[in-house]
Protein backbone atom coordinates (compact mmCIF):
# COMPACT_ATOMS: atom_id res chain seq x y z
CA UNK A 1 23.63 -7.37 -3.42
CA UNK A 2 25.41 -4.73 -5.45
CA UNK A 3 24.92 -0.98 -5.22
CA UNK A 4 24.82 -1.03 -9.01
CA UNK A 5 21.34 -2.63 -8.94
CA UNK A 6 18.86 -0.57 -10.89
CA UNK A 7 15.18 -0.32 -10.05
CA UNK A 8 12.32 0.63 -12.32
CA UNK A 9 10.45 3.68 -11.04
CA UNK A 10 7.20 4.79 -12.67
CA UNK A 11 7.18 8.18 -10.94
CA UNK A 12 8.38 10.11 -7.90
CA UNK A 13 6.30 12.53 -5.88
CA UNK A 14 8.89 14.69 -4.06
CA UNK A 15 6.55 16.01 -1.38
CA UNK A 16 3.42 14.09 -0.45
CA UNK A 17 1.25 14.18 2.66
CA UNK A 18 -1.14 11.27 2.07
CA UNK A 19 1.01 8.13 2.18
CA UNK A 20 2.42 8.10 5.67
CA UNK A 21 3.12 10.60 8.46
CA UNK A 22 4.48 14.06 7.80
CA UNK A 23 5.84 15.30 4.50
CA UNK A 24 7.28 12.46 2.45
CA UNK A 25 8.84 11.60 -0.88
CA UNK A 26 6.68 8.93 -2.53
CA UNK A 27 8.53 6.55 -4.84
CA UNK A 28 6.27 4.51 -7.12
CA UNK A 29 7.97 1.27 -8.15
CA UNK A 30 6.90 -0.40 -11.38
CA UNK A 31 5.29 -3.81 -11.53
CA UNK A 32 2.33 -5.41 -9.77
CA UNK A 33 1.10 -9.02 -9.67
CA UNK A 34 -2.48 -7.98 -8.82
CA UNK A 35 -5.16 -6.60 -11.12
CA UNK A 36 -7.46 -4.86 -8.68
CA UNK A 37 -10.74 -3.83 -10.27
CA UNK A 38 -10.48 -0.32 -8.80
CA UNK A 39 -6.77 0.26 -9.52
CA UNK A 40 -6.14 3.88 -10.50
CA UNK A 41 -2.51 3.35 -11.54
CA UNK A 42 -2.66 0.77 -14.38
CA UNK A 43 0.42 2.38 -15.92
CA UNK A 44 2.44 0.79 -13.08
CA UNK A 45 1.41 -2.81 -13.77
CA UNK A 46 4.26 -3.74 -16.09
CA UNK A 47 7.54 -4.48 -14.34
CA UNK A 48 10.09 -3.01 -16.74
CA UNK A 49 8.75 0.47 -17.44
CA UNK A 50 9.66 3.90 -16.17
CA UNK A 51 12.99 5.45 -15.31
CA UNK A 52 15.82 3.50 -13.75
CA UNK A 53 17.55 4.53 -10.54
CA UNK A 54 20.09 3.16 -8.11
CA UNK A 55 19.45 3.15 -4.38
CA UNK A 56 22.23 5.71 -4.02
CA UNK A 57 20.48 8.11 -6.40
CA UNK A 58 17.19 7.85 -4.52
CA UNK A 59 18.94 8.31 -1.19
CA UNK A 60 20.68 11.41 -2.52
CA UNK A 61 17.29 12.80 -3.55
CA UNK A 62 15.85 12.02 -0.12
CA UNK A 63 18.76 13.74 1.62
CA UNK A 64 18.11 16.89 -0.40
CA UNK A 65 14.46 16.76 0.65
CA UNK A 66 15.16 15.79 4.26
CA UNK A 67 14.95 19.36 5.65
CA UNK A 68 11.29 19.40 4.56
CA UNK A 69 10.45 16.06 6.16
CA UNK A 70 10.54 17.50 9.66
CA UNK A 71 10.48 15.19 12.66
CA UNK A 72 8.05 12.59 11.30
CA UNK A 73 8.35 12.64 7.50
CA UNK A 74 10.47 10.45 5.26
CA UNK A 75 10.20 8.20 2.22
CA UNK A 76 7.32 5.92 1.23
CA UNK A 77 7.67 3.18 -1.36
CA UNK A 78 4.48 2.58 -3.30
CA UNK A 79 3.58 1.30 -6.74
CA UNK A 80 2.52 -0.79 -8.45
CA UNK A 81 3.58 -3.17 -5.74
CA UNK A 82 6.96 -2.23 -4.23
CA UNK A 83 7.55 -5.83 -3.14
CA UNK A 84 7.65 -6.74 -6.83
CA UNK A 85 11.29 -5.52 -6.85
CA UNK A 86 12.47 -7.00 -3.53
CA UNK A 87 16.24 -6.80 -3.99
CA UNK A 88 16.17 -3.20 -5.12
CA UNK A 89 13.65 -2.25 -2.43
CA UNK A 90 15.80 -3.78 0.30
CA UNK A 91 18.86 -1.93 -0.97
CA UNK A 92 16.93 1.36 -0.89
CA UNK A 93 15.59 0.74 2.61
CA UNK A 94 19.03 -0.06 3.97
CA UNK A 95 20.51 3.01 2.33
CA UNK A 96 17.83 5.32 3.72
CA UNK A 97 18.00 3.89 7.24
CA UNK A 98 21.78 4.34 7.19
CA UNK A 99 21.25 8.11 6.91
CA UNK A 100 18.42 8.28 9.44
CA UNK A 101 15.41 8.62 7.13
CA UNK A 102 12.03 7.18 8.14
CA UNK A 103 10.79 4.48 5.74
CA UNK A 104 7.26 3.36 4.92
CA UNK A 105 5.94 0.64 2.64
CA UNK A 106 2.58 1.13 0.91
CA UNK A 107 1.78 -2.45 -0.02
CA UNK A 108 -0.78 -5.15 -0.67
CA UNK A 109 1.63 -7.63 0.89
CA UNK A 110 1.47 -9.85 -2.18
CA UNK A 111 4.96 -11.35 -2.33
CA UNK A 112 6.68 -14.67 -1.70
CA UNK A 113 10.18 -13.19 -1.69
CA UNK A 114 12.58 -14.79 0.82
CA UNK A 115 13.83 -11.25 1.46
CA UNK A 116 10.60 -10.22 3.21
CA UNK A 117 11.90 -10.63 6.80
CA UNK A 118 14.90 -8.43 6.02
CA UNK A 119 12.75 -5.90 4.15
CA UNK A 120 10.51 -5.56 7.20
CA UNK A 121 13.55 -5.15 9.43
CA UNK A 122 14.33 -1.88 7.62
CA UNK A 123 10.71 -0.71 7.33
CA UNK A 124 9.42 1.71 9.97
CA UNK A 125 5.78 1.63 8.88
CA UNK A 126 3.58 -0.62 6.76
CA UNK A 127 0.63 1.04 5.03
CA UNK A 128 -1.30 -2.15 4.36
CA UNK A 129 -3.92 -2.22 1.64
CA UNK A 130 -6.47 -4.70 2.96
CA UNK A 131 -8.21 -5.63 -0.28
CA UNK A 132 -10.66 -7.90 1.53
CA UNK A 133 -10.75 -10.12 4.61
CA UNK A 134 -12.89 -12.71 2.83
CA UNK A 135 -11.19 -15.05 0.38
CA UNK A 136 -13.89 -15.01 -2.28
CA UNK A 137 -14.14 -11.22 -2.28
CA UNK A 138 -10.35 -10.89 -2.30
CA UNK A 139 -10.16 -13.03 -5.43
CA UNK A 140 -13.00 -11.08 -7.05
CA UNK A 141 -11.15 -7.80 -6.46
CA UNK A 142 -7.58 -8.87 -7.26
CA UNK A 143 -7.83 -12.00 -9.44
CA UNK A 144 -5.48 -13.70 -6.96
CA UNK A 145 -5.77 -15.96 -3.89
CA UNK A 146 -5.56 -14.39 -0.44
CA UNK A 147 -3.08 -16.81 1.16
CA UNK A 148 0.04 -14.97 -0.05
CA UNK A 149 -0.89 -11.63 1.50
CA UNK A 150 -2.05 -13.37 4.69
CA UNK A 151 1.43 -14.86 5.07
CA UNK A 152 2.91 -11.38 4.66
CA UNK A 153 0.60 -10.01 7.32
CA UNK A 154 1.51 -12.81 9.72
CA UNK A 155 5.19 -12.06 9.15
CA UNK A 156 4.63 -8.36 9.78
CA UNK A 157 2.88 -9.23 13.04
CA UNK A 158 5.81 -11.36 14.18
CA UNK A 159 8.16 -8.51 13.28
CA UNK A 160 6.04 -6.04 15.25
CA UNK A 161 6.06 -3.42 12.49
CA UNK A 162 3.53 -0.59 13.00
CA UNK A 163 0.53 -0.78 10.66
CA UNK A 164 -1.79 1.63 8.96
CA UNK A 165 -4.72 -0.30 7.52
CA UNK A 166 -6.50 0.96 4.42
CA UNK A 167 -9.40 -0.39 2.43
CA UNK A 168 -10.89 0.98 -0.77
CA UNK A 169 -14.69 0.93 -0.57
CA UNK A 170 -16.60 0.59 -3.84
CA UNK A 171 -20.36 1.05 -4.27
CA UNK A 172 -22.15 -2.26 -4.91
CA UNK A 173 -18.92 -4.23 -4.45
CA UNK A 174 -17.89 -4.12 -0.81
CA UNK A 175 -19.96 -1.33 0.78
CA UNK A 176 -22.09 -3.69 2.82
CA UNK A 177 -22.48 -4.82 6.41
CA UNK A 178 -21.09 -8.30 5.73
CA UNK A 179 -17.77 -6.90 4.49
CA UNK A 180 -17.75 -4.40 7.35
CA UNK A 181 -18.07 -7.16 9.94
CA UNK A 182 -15.50 -9.49 8.36
CA UNK A 183 -13.04 -6.61 7.95
CA UNK A 184 -13.55 -5.50 11.55
CA UNK A 185 -13.02 -9.04 12.83
CA UNK A 186 -9.76 -9.35 10.88
CA UNK A 187 -8.37 -6.00 11.99
CA UNK A 188 -9.36 -6.65 15.61
CA UNK A 189 -6.92 -9.57 15.67
CA UNK A 190 -3.98 -7.44 14.56
CA UNK A 191 -1.39 -5.82 16.80
CA UNK A 192 0.40 -2.51 16.32
CA UNK A 193 -2.43 -0.94 14.30
CA UNK A 194 -1.92 2.82 14.51
CA UNK A 195 -4.48 4.02 11.98
CA UNK A 196 -7.49 2.73 10.03
CA UNK A 197 -8.70 4.42 6.86
CA UNK A 198 -11.52 3.83 4.41
CA UNK A 199 -10.64 5.20 0.98
CA UNK A 200 -13.77 6.06 -1.02
CA UNK A 201 -13.67 4.74 -4.57
CA UNK A 202 -13.03 7.39 -7.22
CA UNK A 203 -12.93 7.35 -11.02
CA UNK A 204 -9.83 9.52 -11.51
CA UNK A 205 -7.90 6.64 -13.05
CA UNK A 206 -10.53 5.79 -15.65
CA UNK A 207 -8.95 7.94 -18.37
CA UNK A 208 -5.67 6.04 -17.94
CA UNK A 209 -7.40 2.82 -18.98
CA UNK A 210 -8.68 4.54 -22.10
CA UNK A 211 -5.20 5.84 -22.93
CA UNK A 212 -3.69 2.38 -22.44
CA UNK A 213 -6.60 0.77 -24.32
CA UNK A 214 -7.50 -1.40 -21.33
CA UNK A 215 -11.04 -2.33 -20.40
CA UNK A 216 -12.18 -0.55 -17.24
CA UNK A 217 -13.41 -3.30 -14.88
CA UNK A 218 -15.92 -1.22 -12.93
CA UNK A 219 -17.63 0.32 -15.93
CA UNK A 220 -19.91 3.15 -14.86
CA UNK A 221 -19.78 2.44 -11.13
CA UNK A 222 -20.25 5.82 -9.44
CA UNK A 223 -17.62 7.33 -7.19
CA UNK A 224 -18.22 7.29 -3.45
CA UNK A 225 -18.39 10.63 -1.68
CA UNK A 226 -15.89 11.55 1.01
CA UNK A 227 -18.72 11.88 3.53
CA UNK A 228 -19.99 8.39 2.72
CA UNK A 229 -16.48 7.00 3.10
CA UNK A 230 -16.12 8.76 6.45
CA UNK A 231 -19.40 7.22 7.61
CA UNK A 232 -18.16 3.72 6.81
CA UNK A 233 -14.80 4.46 8.44
CA UNK A 234 -16.48 5.58 11.65
CA UNK A 235 -18.63 2.44 11.67
CA UNK A 236 -15.61 0.22 11.09
CA UNK A 237 -13.56 1.77 13.88
CA UNK A 238 -16.51 1.59 16.28
CA UNK A 239 -17.16 -2.06 15.41
CA UNK A 240 -13.49 -2.99 15.92
CA UNK A 241 -13.59 -1.31 19.33
CA UNK A 242 -16.71 -3.25 20.32
CA UNK A 243 -15.22 -6.55 19.13
CA UNK A 244 -12.07 -5.96 21.17
CA UNK A 245 -13.99 -4.93 24.29
CA UNK A 246 -16.08 -8.11 24.13
CA UNK A 247 -13.06 -10.41 24.03
């Protein structure tokens, strides 16, 4: 792997506080194999768009920002799907770890790359987007089969990488007790889960579809309030706790 490898980056958020612990630089890699119905970043779907960077350039940027990261901040790779550029991602992770910067991967886990074990070796935290724990619902949301991401999750478990679990909740799609139970049962089987979050569906990305002249899959589905999302999150965490205590 050569340091001259160039990655396609759709955007960089120098200082973010949502995607991982502390203050972080969020690097959005271009390209995604999924077409999630609630995706709010359709501009990242295509693989060869955006600006091109080397791992060295991104590491240099991170080093400049490092004083702001504090004791628990760092760099998060998001997208798109960051695993869509596995060689470049691995090079970036290695470069950042070499200078002592915490790394996180915000991912759906949808990748068959043989580099996955090595990628996870240099990843301090996985922010795992659990689209669905039921195969039929997963396919309805993503237009893909669930087996690929399940293999990624199994690999992450073997590696022992810490997990944050997130799920987007959409009115009339997955905001129901059946999904809640199936999701809780799946998460209850996982190790190293540090945090569980329900992300309420919003419509902030709808205008991007109009700009790109894409059809918006969810039409006029209303946004979910933060309070409603918090209610579902509390129920999910409580149900997981009860499942574990009954085992």
